[in-house]
Amino acid sequence: MGMLIDCIFELILSHVMKAPDISESSCQFVNTLFGDLLGSVEECFPKRVAEAQISCKYWHRFFAVGKFMNMSLSEINHALAQGFFRSITGPELSSLIQSTFAESTKRENVLEALSKSDQM
């Protein structure tokens, strides 16, 4: 079952991660879609959600990208410091930030913090 769920997660993630421009309404849609899908998967494992998370190698990545879509730059920066995005590579996270947020000093600060954390 975990492999089937991973196929679905990977298919959806590949499209989101490659998107060159993600509008605010698209972010809200993706956040809701990811939350609904995770909820449906949890229903398949009613008393074994931890087992589902272990057997699905893309679970944490899918969860993190879904939550990212509902975060501000400040929240992303804080989550980055907490290690929330461990399942997403630095370049992937940078690409998501650039696709989702308009150019600004705040965006550049988050990208800079991300690049420094990649160098460690």
N, C-alpha and C. Protein backbone atom coordinates (compact mmCIF):
# COMPACT_ATOMS: atom_id res chain seq x y z
N MET A 1 0.82 -1.19 0.00
CA MET A 1 0.00 0.00 0.00
C MET A 1 0.87 1.26 0.00
N GLY A 2 1.97 1.20 0.78
CA GLY A 2 2.87 2.35 0.85
C GLY A 2 3.46 2.71 -0.50
N MET A 3 3.77 1.70 -1.32
CA MET A 3 4.34 1.96 -2.65
C MET A 3 3.32 2.64 -3.57
N LEU A 4 2.07 2.24 -3.46
CA LEU A 4 1.01 2.85 -4.27
C LEU A 4 0.83 4.32 -3.86
N ILE A 5 0.81 4.56 -2.59
CA ILE A 5 0.67 5.94 -2.08
C ILE A 5 1.87 6.78 -2.53
N ASP A 6 3.07 6.20 -2.46
CA ASP A 6 4.26 6.92 -2.91
C ASP A 6 4.18 7.30 -4.39
N CYS A 7 3.62 6.42 -5.21
CA CYS A 7 3.46 6.74 -6.64
C CYS A 7 2.58 7.97 -6.82
N ILE A 8 1.51 8.03 -6.06
CA ILE A 8 0.60 9.18 -6.15
C ILE A 8 1.30 10.45 -5.65
N PHE A 9 1.96 10.34 -4.48
CA PHE A 9 2.67 11.49 -3.93
C PHE A 9 3.73 11.99 -4.91
N GLU A 10 4.51 11.07 -5.47
CA GLU A 10 5.58 11.45 -6.39
C GLU A 10 5.04 12.11 -7.65
N LEU A 11 3.97 11.59 -8.18
CA LEU A 11 3.37 12.16 -9.38
C LEU A 11 2.93 13.61 -9.14
N ILE A 12 2.24 13.84 -8.05
CA ILE A 12 1.76 15.19 -7.74
C ILE A 12 2.93 16.12 -7.41
N LEU A 13 3.86 15.63 -6.59
CA LEU A 13 5.01 16.46 -6.21
C LEU A 13 5.83 16.88 -7.42
N SER A 14 6.01 16.00 -8.38
CA SER A 14 6.84 16.33 -9.54
C SER A 14 6.26 17.53 -10.30
N HIS A 15 4.96 17.61 -10.39
CA HIS A 15 4.34 18.74 -11.09
C HIS A 15 4.45 20.03 -10.29
N VAL A 16 4.25 19.94 -9.00
CA VAL A 16 4.33 21.14 -8.15
C VAL A 16 5.76 21.67 -8.11
N MET A 17 6.73 20.77 -7.97
CA MET A 17 8.13 21.18 -7.83
C MET A 17 8.68 21.80 -9.13
N LYS A 18 8.08 21.48 -10.26
CA LYS A 18 8.55 22.01 -11.55
C LYS A 18 7.82 23.29 -11.97
N ALA A 19 6.80 23.68 -11.24
CA ALA A 19 6.00 24.84 -11.63
C ALA A 19 6.86 26.11 -11.60
N PRO A 20 6.87 26.87 -12.70
CA PRO A 20 7.69 28.08 -12.75
C PRO A 20 7.07 29.26 -12.00
N ASP A 21 5.75 29.25 -11.85
CA ASP A 21 5.06 30.36 -11.20
C ASP A 21 3.83 29.79 -10.50
N ILE A 22 3.73 30.04 -9.20
CA ILE A 22 2.61 29.50 -8.42
C ILE A 22 1.88 30.66 -7.77
N SER A 23 0.66 30.90 -8.20
CA SER A 23 -0.13 32.03 -7.68
C SER A 23 -0.62 31.72 -6.26
N GLU A 24 -1.11 32.74 -5.60
CA GLU A 24 -1.64 32.58 -4.25
C GLU A 24 -2.83 31.61 -4.24
N SER A 25 -3.71 31.73 -5.21
CA SER A 25 -4.86 30.83 -5.26
C SER A 25 -4.41 29.40 -5.56
N SER A 26 -3.37 29.23 -6.36
CA SER A 26 -2.83 27.90 -6.62
C SER A 26 -2.22 27.31 -5.35
N CYS A 27 -1.55 28.14 -4.57
CA CYS A 27 -0.98 27.70 -3.29
C CYS A 27 -2.08 27.19 -2.37
N GLN A 28 -3.18 27.93 -2.30
CA GLN A 28 -4.30 27.52 -1.45
C GLN A 28 -4.88 26.20 -1.94
N PHE A 29 -5.01 26.04 -3.25
CA PHE A 29 -5.53 24.80 -3.82
C PHE A 29 -4.60 23.62 -3.49
N VAL A 30 -3.30 23.81 -3.70
CA VAL A 30 -2.33 22.73 -3.45
C VAL A 30 -2.33 22.37 -1.96
N ASN A 31 -2.35 23.37 -1.09
CA ASN A 31 -2.40 23.11 0.35
C ASN A 31 -3.62 22.27 0.71
N THR A 32 -4.77 22.62 0.19
CA THR A 32 -6.00 21.87 0.46
C THR A 32 -5.93 20.47 -0.13
N LEU A 33 -5.48 20.37 -1.37
CA LEU A 33 -5.35 19.08 -2.04
C LEU A 33 -4.43 18.14 -1.25
N PHE A 34 -3.27 18.65 -0.86
CA PHE A 34 -2.32 17.82 -0.12
C PHE A 34 -2.90 17.41 1.23
N GLY A 35 -3.55 18.33 1.92
CA GLY A 35 -4.17 18.01 3.21
C GLY A 35 -5.26 16.96 3.07
N ASP A 36 -6.09 17.11 2.04
CA ASP A 36 -7.17 16.13 1.81
C ASP A 36 -6.59 14.76 1.48
N LEU A 37 -5.56 14.73 0.66
CA LEU A 37 -4.96 13.46 0.28
C LEU A 37 -4.31 12.78 1.48
N LEU A 38 -3.59 13.54 2.29
CA LEU A 38 -2.99 12.97 3.49
C LEU A 38 -4.07 12.45 4.44
N GLY A 39 -5.16 13.18 4.56
CA GLY A 39 -6.28 12.73 5.40
C GLY A 39 -6.88 11.43 4.89
N SER A 40 -7.01 11.31 3.58
CA SER A 40 -7.54 10.08 2.99
C SER A 40 -6.60 8.91 3.22
N VAL A 41 -5.31 9.16 3.10
CA VAL A 41 -4.34 8.09 3.35
C VAL A 41 -4.40 7.66 4.81
N GLU A 42 -4.52 8.63 5.71
CA GLU A 42 -4.62 8.29 7.13
C GLU A 42 -5.85 7.43 7.42
N GLU A 43 -6.92 7.63 6.66
CA GLU A 43 -8.12 6.81 6.83
C GLU A 43 -7.87 5.36 6.43
N CYS A 44 -6.94 5.15 5.50
CA CYS A 44 -6.58 3.78 5.09
C CYS A 44 -5.80 3.07 6.19
N PHE A 45 -5.18 3.82 7.06
CA PHE A 45 -4.39 3.29 8.17
C PHE A 45 -4.94 3.85 9.48
N PRO A 46 -6.21 3.57 9.82
CA PRO A 46 -6.85 4.26 10.94
C PRO A 46 -6.10 4.21 12.27
N LYS A 47 -5.53 3.11 12.61
CA LYS A 47 -4.84 3.03 13.90
C LYS A 47 -3.34 2.90 13.73
N ARG A 48 -2.88 3.07 12.48
CA ARG A 48 -1.45 2.88 12.21
C ARG A 48 -0.90 4.00 11.35
N VAL A 49 -1.21 5.24 11.67
CA VAL A 49 -0.73 6.37 10.88
C VAL A 49 0.80 6.41 10.88
N ALA A 50 1.43 6.12 12.02
CA ALA A 50 2.89 6.11 12.08
C ALA A 50 3.45 5.07 11.11
N GLU A 51 2.78 3.94 10.99
CA GLU A 51 3.21 2.90 10.04
C GLU A 51 3.09 3.41 8.61
N ALA A 52 2.05 4.14 8.32
CA ALA A 52 1.88 4.71 6.98
C ALA A 52 3.00 5.69 6.67
N GLN A 53 3.36 6.51 7.65
CA GLN A 53 4.43 7.48 7.45
C GLN A 53 5.77 6.79 7.21
N ILE A 54 5.98 5.68 7.86
CA ILE A 54 7.23 4.93 7.68
C ILE A 54 7.25 4.21 6.35
N SER A 55 6.13 3.63 5.95
CA SER A 55 6.10 2.85 4.72
C SER A 55 6.00 3.71 3.45
N CYS A 56 5.74 4.99 3.60
CA CYS A 56 5.67 5.91 2.46
C CYS A 56 6.90 6.82 2.50
N LYS A 57 7.84 6.60 1.60
CA LYS A 57 9.08 7.38 1.66
C LYS A 57 8.88 8.85 1.30
N TYR A 58 7.78 9.18 0.64
CA TYR A 58 7.52 10.58 0.28
C TYR A 58 6.57 11.29 1.24
N TRP A 59 6.16 10.63 2.30
CA TRP A 59 5.17 11.20 3.24
C TRP A 59 5.62 12.57 3.76
N HIS A 60 6.80 12.64 4.36
CA HIS A 60 7.26 13.88 4.98
C HIS A 60 7.49 14.97 3.93
N ARG A 61 7.97 14.58 2.79
CA ARG A 61 8.19 15.54 1.70
C ARG A 61 6.85 16.12 1.23
N PHE A 62 5.88 15.26 1.03
CA PHE A 62 4.54 15.67 0.61
C PHE A 62 3.92 16.59 1.66
N PHE A 63 4.04 16.21 2.92
CA PHE A 63 3.50 17.00 4.03
C PHE A 63 4.17 18.39 4.06
N ALA A 64 5.50 18.41 3.92
CA ALA A 64 6.24 19.68 3.99
C ALA A 64 5.87 20.62 2.84
N VAL A 65 5.77 20.08 1.63
CA VAL A 65 5.41 20.93 0.48
C VAL A 65 3.99 21.45 0.64
N GLY A 66 3.08 20.60 1.10
CA GLY A 66 1.70 21.03 1.33
C GLY A 66 1.62 22.17 2.34
N LYS A 67 2.36 22.04 3.43
CA LYS A 67 2.37 23.10 4.45
C LYS A 67 3.05 24.37 3.94
N PHE A 68 4.11 24.19 3.15
CA PHE A 68 4.82 25.33 2.56
C PHE A 68 3.85 26.24 1.83
N MET A 69 2.90 25.65 1.13
CA MET A 69 1.97 26.41 0.30
C MET A 69 1.07 27.34 1.10
N ASN A 70 1.04 27.17 2.41
CA ASN A 70 0.20 28.01 3.25
C ASN A 70 1.04 28.85 4.22
N MET A 71 2.33 28.98 3.92
CA MET A 71 3.23 29.71 4.83
C MET A 71 3.64 31.06 4.24
N SER A 72 3.92 31.98 5.14
CA SER A 72 4.51 33.26 4.75
C SER A 72 6.03 33.07 4.72
N LEU A 73 6.75 34.05 4.19
CA LEU A 73 8.21 33.97 4.18
C LEU A 73 8.78 33.90 5.59
N SER A 74 8.18 34.62 6.52
CA SER A 74 8.63 34.57 7.92
C SER A 74 8.45 33.17 8.50
N GLU A 75 7.31 32.56 8.21
CA GLU A 75 7.05 31.20 8.70
C GLU A 75 8.00 30.19 8.05
N ILE A 76 8.30 30.39 6.78
CA ILE A 76 9.24 29.51 6.08
C ILE A 76 10.62 29.64 6.70
N ASN A 77 11.05 30.86 6.96
CA ASN A 77 12.35 31.10 7.58
C ASN A 77 12.43 30.42 8.95
N HIS A 78 11.37 30.55 9.73
CA HIS A 78 11.32 29.91 11.05
C HIS A 78 11.34 28.38 10.92
N ALA A 79 10.54 27.85 10.00
CA ALA A 79 10.48 26.41 9.78
C ALA A 79 11.83 25.87 9.30
N LEU A 80 12.50 26.65 8.48
CA LEU A 80 13.83 26.28 7.99
C LEU A 80 14.79 26.15 9.17
N ALA A 81 14.75 27.10 10.08
CA ALA A 81 15.62 27.06 11.26
C ALA A 81 15.30 25.86 12.16
N GLN A 82 14.05 25.42 12.14
CA GLN A 82 13.62 24.28 12.96
C GLN A 82 13.87 22.93 12.28
N GLY A 83 14.33 22.95 11.03
CA GLY A 83 14.60 21.71 10.30
C GLY A 83 13.37 21.07 9.69
N PHE A 84 12.29 21.83 9.56
CA PHE A 84 11.03 21.30 9.04
C PHE A 84 11.15 20.80 7.61
N PHE A 85 12.03 21.41 6.83
CA PHE A 85 12.13 21.08 5.41
C PHE A 85 13.26 20.09 5.10
N ARG A 86 13.63 19.24 6.05
CA ARG A 86 14.72 18.29 5.85
C ARG A 86 14.50 17.36 4.65
N SER A 87 13.26 17.09 4.33
CA SER A 87 12.96 16.15 3.24
C SER A 87 12.98 16.82 1.86
N ILE A 88 13.25 18.11 1.82
CA ILE A 88 13.31 18.86 0.56
C ILE A 88 14.73 19.41 0.42
N THR A 89 15.32 19.25 -0.76
CA THR A 89 16.68 19.74 -0.95
C THR A 89 16.68 21.28 -0.98
N GLY A 90 17.83 21.86 -0.72
CA GLY A 90 17.96 23.31 -0.77
C GLY A 90 17.57 23.90 -2.11
N PRO A 91 18.08 23.34 -3.22
CA PRO A 91 17.69 23.87 -4.53
C PRO A 91 16.18 23.75 -4.80
N GLU A 92 15.57 22.66 -4.35
CA GLU A 92 14.12 22.50 -4.54
C GLU A 92 13.35 23.55 -3.75
N LEU A 93 13.77 23.77 -2.51
CA LEU A 93 13.10 24.76 -1.67
C LEU A 93 13.30 26.16 -2.24
N SER A 94 14.51 26.45 -2.71
CA SER A 94 14.78 27.75 -3.34
C SER A 94 13.88 27.96 -4.54
N SER A 95 13.74 26.93 -5.35
CA SER A 95 12.88 27.02 -6.53
C SER A 95 11.42 27.27 -6.14
N LEU A 96 10.95 26.57 -5.10
CA LEU A 96 9.58 26.79 -4.63
C LEU A 96 9.39 28.23 -4.15
N ILE A 97 10.35 28.73 -3.42
CA ILE A 97 10.27 30.11 -2.90
C ILE A 97 10.24 31.10 -4.06
N GLN A 98 11.09 30.90 -5.05
CA GLN A 98 11.13 31.80 -6.20
C GLN A 98 9.86 31.71 -7.03
N SER A 99 9.26 30.53 -7.09
CA SER A 99 8.03 30.35 -7.87
C SER A 99 6.81 30.93 -7.17
N THR A 100 6.88 30.98 -5.87
CA THR A 100 5.71 31.34 -5.07
C THR A 100 5.69 32.80 -4.64
N PHE A 101 6.85 33.36 -4.36
CA PHE A 101 6.90 34.71 -3.80
C PHE A 101 7.54 35.69 -4.78
N ALA A 102 6.99 36.89 -4.83
CA ALA A 102 7.54 37.94 -5.69
C ALA A 102 8.90 38.37 -5.16
N GLU A 103 9.71 38.92 -6.05
CA GLU A 103 11.02 39.42 -5.64
C GLU A 103 10.87 40.48 -4.57
N SER A 104 11.63 40.31 -3.51
CA SER A 104 11.63 41.28 -2.42
C SER A 104 12.87 41.06 -1.57
N THR A 105 13.15 42.02 -0.72
CA THR A 105 14.28 41.88 0.19
C THR A 105 14.06 40.71 1.13
N LYS A 106 12.84 40.55 1.59
CA LYS A 106 12.50 39.45 2.51
C LYS A 106 12.73 38.10 1.84
N ARG A 107 12.32 37.98 0.57
CA ARG A 107 12.53 36.73 -0.16
C ARG A 107 14.02 36.46 -0.30
N GLU A 108 14.79 37.48 -0.64
CA GLU A 108 16.23 37.31 -0.81
C GLU A 108 16.89 36.91 0.51
N ASN A 109 16.41 37.45 1.62
CA ASN A 109 16.96 37.08 2.93
C ASN A 109 16.72 35.61 3.25
N VAL A 110 15.52 35.12 2.91
CA VAL A 110 15.21 33.70 3.14
C VAL A 110 16.07 32.83 2.24
N LEU A 111 16.21 33.23 0.97
CA LEU A 111 17.06 32.45 0.05
C LEU A 111 18.52 32.44 0.50
N GLU A 112 18.96 33.56 1.03
CA GLU A 112 20.34 33.64 1.54
C GLU A 112 20.51 32.73 2.76
N ALA A 113 19.54 32.76 3.67
CA ALA A 113 19.59 31.88 4.85
C ALA A 113 19.59 30.41 4.41
N LEU A 114 18.81 30.12 3.40
CA LEU A 114 18.75 28.75 2.87
C LEU A 114 20.08 28.33 2.28
N SER A 115 20.71 29.22 1.53
CA SER A 115 22.00 28.87 0.92
C SER A 115 23.07 28.69 2.00
N LYS A 116 23.00 29.46 3.07
CA LYS A 116 23.97 29.30 4.18
C LYS A 116 23.76 27.97 4.89
N SER A 117 22.50 27.57 5.04
CA SER A 117 22.22 26.29 5.72
C SER A 117 22.65 25.11 4.84
N ASP A 118 22.64 25.28 3.52
CA ASP A 118 23.11 24.23 2.60
C ASP A 118 24.62 24.05 2.69
N GLN A 119 25.32 25.13 3.01
CA GLN A 119 26.77 25.09 3.05
C GLN A 119 27.30 24.44 4.33
N MET A 120 26.45 24.30 5.32
CA MET A 120 26.88 23.73 6.60
C MET A 120 26.90 22.23 6.57
